[in-house]
Amino acid sequence: MKLVYRGVQYDAKPSAIATIPGKVIGHYRGVELHEQIIKTN
């Protein structure tokens, strides 16, 4: 993905981390927020 910040162009390489949803930790605008647990193995 090509991005520009203050006139400088660069390629973003977002990292993908596998997660699983955990318990409900709250609500935001009527939607439940779940903690994200990093998946191991």
PDB file of N, CA and C in Angstrom:
ATOM      1  N   MET A   1       0.853  -1.163   0.000  1.00  0.00           N
ATOM      2  CA  MET A   1       0.000   0.000   0.000  1.00  0.00           C
ATOM      3  C   MET A   1       0.904   1.232   0.000  1.00  0.00           C
ATOM      4  N   LYS A   2       0.680   2.124  -0.937  1.00  0.00           N
ATOM      5  CA  LYS A   2       1.473   3.336  -1.016  1.00  0.00           C
ATOM      6  C   LYS A   2       0.829   4.434  -0.181  1.00  0.00           C
ATOM      7  N   LEU A   3       1.641   5.088   0.627  1.00  0.00           N
ATOM      8  CA  LEU A   3       1.161   6.156   1.486  1.00  0.00           C
ATOM      9  C   LEU A   3       2.022   7.392   1.293  1.00  0.00           C
ATOM     10  N   VAL A   4       1.460   8.557   1.658  1.00  0.00           N
ATOM     11  CA  VAL A   4       2.199   9.812   1.591  1.00  0.00           C
ATOM     12  C   VAL A   4       1.996  10.545   2.912  1.00  0.00           C
ATOM     13  N   TYR A   5       3.092  10.987   3.510  1.00  0.00           N
ATOM     14  CA  TYR A   5       3.020  11.764   4.743  1.00  0.00           C
ATOM     15  C   TYR A   5       3.926  12.969   4.598  1.00  0.00           C
ATOM     16  N   ARG A   6       3.331  14.146   4.625  1.00  0.00           N
ATOM     17  CA  ARG A   6       4.055  15.411   4.473  1.00  0.00           C
ATOM     18  C   ARG A   6       4.943  15.414   3.229  1.00  0.00           C
ATOM     19  N   GLY A   7       4.401  14.879   2.149  1.00  0.00           N
ATOM     20  CA  GLY A   7       5.101  14.898   0.875  1.00  0.00           C
ATOM     21  C   GLY A   7       6.075  13.758   0.659  1.00  0.00           C
ATOM     22  N   VAL A   8       6.285  12.920   1.650  1.00  0.00           N
ATOM     23  CA  VAL A   8       7.206  11.793   1.522  1.00  0.00           C
ATOM     24  C   VAL A   8       6.396  10.538   1.226  1.00  0.00           C
ATOM     25  N   GLN A   9       6.751   9.851   0.142  1.00  0.00           N
ATOM     26  CA  GLN A   9       6.034   8.641  -0.240  1.00  0.00           C
ATOM     27  C   GLN A   9       6.762   7.416   0.302  1.00  0.00           C
ATOM     28  N   TYR A  10       5.980   6.440   0.745  1.00  0.00           N
ATOM     29  CA  TYR A  10       6.576   5.193   1.208  1.00  0.00           C
ATOM     30  C   TYR A  10       5.564   4.069   1.065  1.00  0.00           C
ATOM     31  N   ASP A  11       6.057   2.832   1.100  1.00  0.00           N
ATOM     32  CA  ASP A  11       5.208   1.645   1.024  1.00  0.00           C
ATOM     33  C   ASP A  11       4.981   1.121   2.430  1.00  0.00           C
ATOM     34  N   ALA A  12       3.722   0.925   2.780  1.00  0.00           N
ATOM     35  CA  ALA A  12       3.394   0.362   4.089  1.00  0.00           C
ATOM     36  C   ALA A  12       3.322  -1.151   3.963  1.00  0.00           C
ATOM     37  N   LYS A  13       3.885  -1.830   4.929  1.00  0.00           N
ATOM     38  CA  LYS A  13       3.839  -3.289   4.968  1.00  0.00           C
ATOM     39  C   LYS A  13       3.225  -3.692   6.300  1.00  0.00           C
ATOM     40  N   PRO A  14       1.894  -3.668   6.374  1.00  0.00           N
ATOM     41  CA  PRO A  14       1.248  -4.014   7.634  1.00  0.00           C
ATOM     42  C   PRO A  14       1.495  -5.476   8.007  1.00  0.00           C
ATOM     43  N   SER A  15       1.756  -5.707   9.272  1.00  0.00           N
ATOM     44  CA  SER A  15       1.973  -7.076   9.726  1.00  0.00           C
ATOM     45  C   SER A  15       0.639  -7.691  10.141  1.00  0.00           C
ATOM     46  N   ALA A  16       0.500  -8.950   9.857  1.00  0.00           N
ATOM     47  CA  ALA A  16      -0.723  -9.661  10.217  1.00  0.00           C
ATOM     48  C   ALA A  16      -0.420 -10.567  11.398  1.00  0.00           C
ATOM     49  N   ILE A  17      -1.132 -10.361  12.497  1.00  0.00           N
ATOM     50  CA  ILE A  17      -0.956 -11.180  13.684  1.00  0.00           C
ATOM     51  C   ILE A  17      -2.264 -11.927  13.918  1.00  0.00           C
ATOM     52  N   ALA A  18      -2.180 -13.240  14.009  1.00  0.00           N
ATOM     53  CA  ALA A  18      -3.375 -14.051  14.218  1.00  0.00           C
ATOM     54  C   ALA A  18      -3.850 -13.889  15.658  1.00  0.00           C
ATOM     55  N   THR A  19      -5.123 -13.551  15.821  1.00  0.00           N
ATOM     56  CA  THR A  19      -5.701 -13.388  17.155  1.00  0.00           C
ATOM     57  C   THR A  19      -7.015 -14.145  17.250  1.00  0.00           C
ATOM     58  N   ILE A  20      -7.415 -14.389  18.475  1.00  0.00           N
ATOM     59  CA  ILE A  20      -8.728 -14.967  18.733  1.00  0.00           C
ATOM     60  C   ILE A  20      -9.455 -14.040  19.697  1.00  0.00           C
ATOM     61  N   PRO A  21     -10.782 -13.913  19.555  1.00  0.00           N
ATOM     62  CA  PRO A  21     -11.507 -13.025  20.458  1.00  0.00           C
ATOM     63  C   PRO A  21     -11.586 -13.612  21.860  1.00  0.00           C
ATOM     64  N   GLY A  22     -11.412 -12.747  22.849  1.00  0.00           N
ATOM     65  CA  GLY A  22     -11.503 -13.170  24.247  1.00  0.00           C
ATOM     66  C   GLY A  22     -12.806 -12.698  24.862  1.00  0.00           C
ATOM     67  N   LYS A  23     -12.749 -12.432  26.159  1.00  0.00           N
ATOM     68  CA  LYS A  23     -13.959 -12.024  26.876  1.00  0.00           C
ATOM     69  C   LYS A  23     -14.342 -10.587  26.514  1.00  0.00           C
ATOM     70  N   VAL A  24     -15.588 -10.244  26.788  1.00  0.00           N
ATOM     71  CA  VAL A  24     -16.091  -8.895  26.538  1.00  0.00           C
ATOM     72  C   VAL A  24     -15.464  -7.956  27.567  1.00  0.00           C
ATOM     73  N   ILE A  25     -14.851  -6.855  27.092  1.00  0.00           N
ATOM     74  CA  ILE A  25     -14.217  -5.913  28.005  1.00  0.00           C
ATOM     75  C   ILE A  25     -14.966  -4.591  28.098  1.00  0.00           C
ATOM     76  N   GLY A  26     -15.988  -4.418  27.274  1.00  0.00           N
ATOM     77  CA  GLY A  26     -16.768  -3.192  27.344  1.00  0.00           C
ATOM     78  C   GLY A  26     -17.652  -3.025  26.125  1.00  0.00           C
ATOM     79  N   HIS A  27     -18.226  -1.831  26.019  1.00  0.00           N
ATOM     80  CA  HIS A  27     -19.091  -1.490  24.892  1.00  0.00           C
ATOM     81  C   HIS A  27     -18.672  -0.129  24.352  1.00  0.00           C
ATOM     82  N   TYR A  28     -18.761   0.040  23.046  1.00  0.00           N
ATOM     83  CA  TYR A  28     -18.482   1.316  22.400  1.00  0.00           C
ATOM     84  C   TYR A  28     -19.531   1.534  21.341  1.00  0.00           C
ATOM     85  N   ARG A  29     -20.324   2.584  21.517  1.00  0.00           N
ATOM     86  CA  ARG A  29     -21.402   2.907  20.578  1.00  0.00           C
ATOM     87  C   ARG A  29     -22.314   1.721  20.316  1.00  0.00           C
ATOM     88  N   GLY A  30     -22.620   0.986  21.372  1.00  0.00           N
ATOM     89  CA  GLY A  30     -23.553  -0.125  21.271  1.00  0.00           C
ATOM     90  C   GLY A  30     -22.972  -1.431  20.773  1.00  0.00           C
ATOM     91  N   VAL A  31     -21.670  -1.481  20.550  1.00  0.00           N
ATOM     92  CA  VAL A  31     -21.027  -2.695  20.053  1.00  0.00           C
ATOM     93  C   VAL A  31     -20.117  -3.248  21.141  1.00  0.00           C
ATOM     94  N   GLU A  32     -20.164  -4.572  21.340  1.00  0.00           N
ATOM     95  CA  GLU A  32     -19.304  -5.195  22.337  1.00  0.00           C
ATOM     96  C   GLU A  32     -17.848  -5.152  21.885  1.00  0.00           C
ATOM     97  N   LEU A  33     -16.942  -4.832  22.815  1.00  0.00           N
ATOM     98  CA  LEU A  33     -15.511  -4.872  22.554  1.00  0.00           C
ATOM     99  C   LEU A  33     -14.940  -6.112  23.224  1.00  0.00           C
ATOM    100  N   HIS A  34     -14.230  -6.913  22.457  1.00  0.00           N
ATOM    101  CA  HIS A  34     -13.626  -8.133  22.977  1.00  0.00           C
ATOM    102  C   HIS A  34     -12.116  -7.956  23.053  1.00  0.00           C
ATOM    103  N   GLU A  35     -11.500  -8.530  24.094  1.00  0.00           N
ATOM    104  CA  GLU A  35     -10.049  -8.499  24.143  1.00  0.00           C
ATOM    105  C   GLU A  35      -9.529  -9.409  23.024  1.00  0.00           C
ATOM    106  N   GLN A  36      -8.374  -9.088  22.475  1.00  0.00           N
ATOM    107  CA  GLN A  36      -7.785  -9.875  21.406  1.00  0.00           C
ATOM    108  C   GLN A  36      -6.589 -10.630  21.975  1.00  0.00           C
ATOM    109  N   ILE A  37      -6.608 -11.943  21.874  1.00  0.00           N
ATOM    110  CA  ILE A  37      -5.565 -12.797  22.405  1.00  0.00           C
ATOM    111  C   ILE A  37      -4.745 -13.300  21.235  1.00  0.00           C
ATOM    112  N   ILE A  38      -3.416 -13.137  21.336  1.00  0.00           N
ATOM    113  CA  ILE A  38      -2.535 -13.601  20.260  1.00  0.00           C
ATOM    114  C   ILE A  38      -2.567 -15.123  20.206  1.00  0.00           C
ATOM    115  N   LYS A  39      -2.780 -15.625  19.005  1.00  0.00           N
ATOM    116  CA  LYS A  39      -2.881 -17.060  18.785  1.00  0.00           C
ATOM    117  C   LYS A  39      -1.473 -17.655  18.766  1.00  0.00           C
ATOM    118  N   THR A  40      -1.238 -18.672  19.571  1.00  0.00           N
ATOM    119  CA  THR A  40       0.067 -19.327  19.573  1.00  0.00           C
ATOM    120  C   THR A  40      -0.072 -20.687  18.903  1.00  0.00           C
ATOM    121  N   ASN A  41       0.889 -20.982  18.060  1.00  0.00           N
ATOM    122  CA  ASN A  41       0.935 -22.233  17.290  1.00  0.00           C
ATOM    123  C   ASN A  41      -0.205 -22.308  16.372  1.00  0.00           C
TER     124      ASN A  41
END
